[in-house]
Amino acid sequence: MKEPRTKGLIQTYNADRGYGFVVPYGGQDPVYFKCTAFADGLKVVSEGQQVSFHIVLDGWRHVAEDIQS
């Protein structure tokens, strides 16, 4: 089930491996994401970039989806 959109900052992103972590505002733990989670039009993110996203439960962990700048 999708939560409401959340805002946060890109903590790390490894373009070669296609994954990273985003930290939601409010001091929550970093959330994992894959490059396939980028919304249409978003190709590259950088550390410290502000984004919005949905947090969803993917099996055993929470992940970010539909990442937009």
C-alpha atoms as a PDB file:
ATOM      1  CA  MET A   1       0.000   0.000   0.000  1.00  0.00           C
ATOM      2  CA  LYS A   2       1.359   3.411  -0.958  1.00  0.00           C
ATOM      3  CA  GLU A   3       1.800   6.043   1.693  1.00  0.00           C
ATOM      4  CA  PRO A   4       1.257   9.736   0.891  1.00  0.00           C
ATOM      5  CA  ARG A   5       4.114  11.426  -0.988  1.00  0.00           C
ATOM      6  CA  THR A   6       7.133  12.123   1.184  1.00  0.00           C
ATOM      7  CA  LYS A   7       9.891  14.675   0.657  1.00  0.00           C
ATOM      8  CA  GLY A   8      13.532  14.095   1.434  1.00  0.00           C
ATOM      9  CA  LEU A   9      17.137  14.309   0.271  1.00  0.00           C
ATOM     10  CA  ILE A  10      19.216  11.899  -1.769  1.00  0.00           C
ATOM     11  CA  GLN A  11      21.834  10.536   0.636  1.00  0.00           C
ATOM     12  CA  THR A  12      23.809   8.431  -1.831  1.00  0.00           C
ATOM     13  CA  TYR A  13      23.369   7.211  -5.397  1.00  0.00           C
ATOM     14  CA  ASN A  14      25.583   4.771  -7.295  1.00  0.00           C
ATOM     15  CA  ALA A  15      24.746   5.243 -10.984  1.00  0.00           C
ATOM     16  CA  ASP A  16      26.956   2.316 -12.031  1.00  0.00           C
ATOM     17  CA  ARG A  17      25.022  -0.110  -9.835  1.00  0.00           C
ATOM     18  CA  GLY A  18      21.666   1.666 -10.174  1.00  0.00           C
ATOM     19  CA  TYR A  19      20.680   2.088  -6.534  1.00  0.00           C
ATOM     20  CA  GLY A  20      20.873   4.525  -3.652  1.00  0.00           C
ATOM     21  CA  PHE A  21      19.318   5.807  -0.444  1.00  0.00           C
ATOM     22  CA  VAL A  22      17.037   8.744   0.236  1.00  0.00           C
ATOM     23  CA  VAL A  23      16.499  10.251   3.704  1.00  0.00           C
ATOM     24  CA  PRO A  24      12.934  11.428   4.386  1.00  0.00           C
ATOM     25  CA  TYR A  25      12.589  14.770   6.161  1.00  0.00           C
ATOM     26  CA  GLY A  26      11.906  14.354   9.862  1.00  0.00           C
ATOM     27  CA  GLY A  27      14.940  12.294  10.794  1.00  0.00           C
ATOM     28  CA  GLN A  28      13.715   8.899   9.629  1.00  0.00           C
ATOM     29  CA  ASP A  29      16.081   6.132   8.551  1.00  0.00           C
ATOM     30  CA  PRO A  30      17.377   6.128   4.945  1.00  0.00           C
ATOM     31  CA  VAL A  31      15.160   4.336   2.424  1.00  0.00           C
ATOM     32  CA  TYR A  32      16.576   2.180  -0.394  1.00  0.00           C
ATOM     33  CA  PHE A  33      15.692   2.835  -4.039  1.00  0.00           C
ATOM     34  CA  LYS A  34      16.590   1.471  -7.484  1.00  0.00           C
ATOM     35  CA  CYS A  35      17.042   3.620 -10.587  1.00  0.00           C
ATOM     36  CA  THR A  36      13.846   2.011 -11.922  1.00  0.00           C
ATOM     37  CA  ALA A  37      11.986   3.987  -9.213  1.00  0.00           C
ATOM     38  CA  PHE A  38      12.609   7.284 -11.026  1.00  0.00           C
ATOM     39  CA  ALA A  39       9.465   8.906 -12.414  1.00  0.00           C
ATOM     40  CA  ASP A  40       9.281   9.621 -16.143  1.00  0.00           C
ATOM     41  CA  GLY A  41      11.728  12.317 -17.129  1.00  0.00           C
ATOM     42  CA  LEU A  42      14.064  11.944 -14.124  1.00  0.00           C
ATOM     43  CA  LYS A  43      17.333  10.393 -15.294  1.00  0.00           C
ATOM     44  CA  VAL A  44      19.976  11.497 -12.799  1.00  0.00           C
ATOM     45  CA  VAL A  45      19.996  12.425  -9.127  1.00  0.00           C
ATOM     46  CA  SER A  46      22.820  13.768  -7.023  1.00  0.00           C
ATOM     47  CA  GLU A  47      23.635  13.660  -3.341  1.00  0.00           C
ATOM     48  CA  GLY A  48      21.770  16.359  -1.434  1.00  0.00           C
ATOM     49  CA  GLN A  49      19.098  16.773  -4.116  1.00  0.00           C
ATOM     50  CA  GLN A  50      15.561  17.303  -2.794  1.00  0.00           C
ATOM     51  CA  VAL A  51      13.033  14.800  -4.152  1.00  0.00           C
ATOM     52  CA  SER A  52       9.524  13.555  -3.425  1.00  0.00           C
ATOM     53  CA  PHE A  53       8.544   9.879  -3.445  1.00  0.00           C
ATOM     54  CA  HIS A  54       6.262   7.164  -2.119  1.00  0.00           C
ATOM     55  CA  ILE A  55       7.447   4.687   0.517  1.00  0.00           C
ATOM     56  CA  VAL A  56       6.163   1.156  -0.050  1.00  0.00           C
ATOM     57  CA  LEU A  57       6.760  -2.201   1.620  1.00  0.00           C
ATOM     58  CA  ASP A  58       8.626  -4.468  -0.805  1.00  0.00           C
ATOM     59  CA  GLY A  59       8.731  -7.908   0.747  1.00  0.00           C
ATOM     60  CA  TRP A  60      10.790  -7.402   3.916  1.00  0.00           C
ATOM     61  CA  ARG A  61      11.844  -3.740   3.631  1.00  0.00           C
ATOM     62  CA  HIS A  62      10.549  -0.305   2.798  1.00  0.00           C
ATOM     63  CA  VAL A  63      11.668   1.179  -0.530  1.00  0.00           C
ATOM     64  CA  ALA A  64      11.157   4.493  -2.321  1.00  0.00           C
ATOM     65  CA  GLU A  65       9.134   4.517  -5.558  1.00  0.00           C
ATOM     66  CA  ASP A  66       7.997   7.143  -8.053  1.00  0.00           C
ATOM     67  CA  ILE A  67      10.908   9.481  -7.256  1.00  0.00           C
ATOM     68  CA  GLN A  68      10.419  13.002  -8.634  1.00  0.00           C
ATOM     69  CA  SER A  69      12.530  16.131  -8.395  1.00  0.00           C
END
